[in-house]
C-alpha atoms as a PDB file:
ATOM      1  CA  MET A   1      32.329-184.239  57.887  1.00  0.00           C
ATOM      2  CA  LYS A   2      29.232-185.544  56.193  1.00  0.00           C
ATOM      3  CA  THR A   3      27.529-181.692  56.478  1.00  0.00           C
ATOM      4  CA  GLU A   4      30.886-180.266  54.691  1.00  0.00           C
ATOM      5  CA  LEU A   5      30.368-182.922  51.808  1.00  0.00           C
ATOM      6  CA  LYS A   6      26.809-182.104  51.469  1.00  0.00           C
ATOM      7  CA  THR A   7      27.601-178.626  51.461  1.00  0.00           C
ATOM      8  CA  THR A   8      30.495-179.006  49.102  1.00  0.00           C
ATOM      9  CA  ASN A   9      28.562-181.183  46.903  1.00  0.00           C
ATOM     10  CA  TYR A  10      25.302-178.571  46.942  1.00  0.00           C
ATOM     11  CA  ASN A  11      28.023-175.548  46.008  1.00  0.00           C
ATOM     12  CA  LEU A  12      29.241-177.848  43.050  1.00  0.00           C
ATOM     13  CA  GLU A  13      25.825-178.431  42.018  1.00  0.00           C
ATOM     14  CA  GLN A  14      24.686-174.935  42.032  1.00  0.00           C
ATOM     15  CA  LEU A  15      28.002-173.797  39.696  1.00  0.00           C
ATOM     16  CA  GLN A  16      26.950-176.405  37.500  1.00  0.00           C
ATOM     17  CA  LYS A  17      23.857-175.029  36.978  1.00  0.00           C
ATOM     18  CA  ALA A  18      24.959-171.427  36.632  1.00  0.00           C
ATOM     19  CA  TYR A  19      27.459-172.684  34.035  1.00  0.00           C
ATOM     20  CA  GLN A  20      25.180-174.755  32.157  1.00  0.00           C
ATOM     21  CA  ALA A  21      22.739-171.833  32.225  1.00  0.00           C
ATOM     22  CA  ASP A  22      25.544-169.418  30.788  1.00  0.00           C
ATOM     23  CA  GLN A  23      26.372-171.710  28.510  1.00  0.00           C
ATOM     24  CA  GLN A  24      22.813-171.848  27.217  1.00  0.00           C
ATOM     25  CA  VAL A  25      22.427-168.253  26.816  1.00  0.00           C
ATOM     26  CA  LYS A  26      25.766-168.189  24.870  1.00  0.00           C
ATOM     27  CA  TYR A  27      24.535-170.621  22.626  1.00  0.00           C
ATOM     28  CA  MET A  28      21.226-168.994  22.320  1.00  0.00           C
ATOM     29  CA  SER A  29      22.856-165.496  21.586  1.00  0.00           C
ATOM     30  CA  LEU A  30      25.123-167.255  18.831  1.00  0.00           C
ATOM     31  CA  GLU A  31      22.115-168.796  17.399  1.00  0.00           C
ATOM     32  CA  ALA A  32      20.571-165.437  17.183  1.00  0.00           C
ATOM     33  CA  GLU A  33      23.491-163.699  15.628  1.00  0.00           C
ATOM     34  CA  LEU A  34      23.866-166.625  13.036  1.00  0.00           C
ATOM     35  CA  GLU A  35      20.271-166.161  12.183  1.00  0.00           C
ATOM     36  CA  LEU A  36      20.453-162.814  11.825  1.00  0.00           C
ATOM     37  CA  LEU A  37      23.534-162.820   9.367  1.00  0.00           C
ATOM     38  CA  LEU A  38      21.892-165.550   7.371  1.00  0.00           C
ATOM     39  CA  GLN A  39      19.048-163.223   6.886  1.00  0.00           C
ATOM     40  CA  GLN A  40      21.461-160.482   5.780  1.00  0.00           C
ATOM     41  CA  ILE A  41      22.900-162.619   3.143  1.00  0.00           C
ATOM     42  CA  LYS A  42      19.704-163.769   1.821  1.00  0.00           C
ATOM     43  CA  THR A  43      18.638-160.008   1.598  1.00  0.00           C
ATOM     44  CA  ALA A  44      22.135-159.213  -0.216  1.00  0.00           C
ATOM     45  CA  LYS A  45      22.118-161.522  -2.754  1.00  0.00           C
ATOM     46  CA  LYS A  46      18.435-160.481  -3.846  1.00  0.00           C
END
């Protein structure tokens, strides 16, 4: 039973790490996209 709980806990931790990494990649992608759009707006205004 204890081993089962440890395995479940470990699996949940791994899922959480993967989810957090995925969210970080999505955030960085959106950040880059916003930066690009901002540059395009600045260029269009000139």
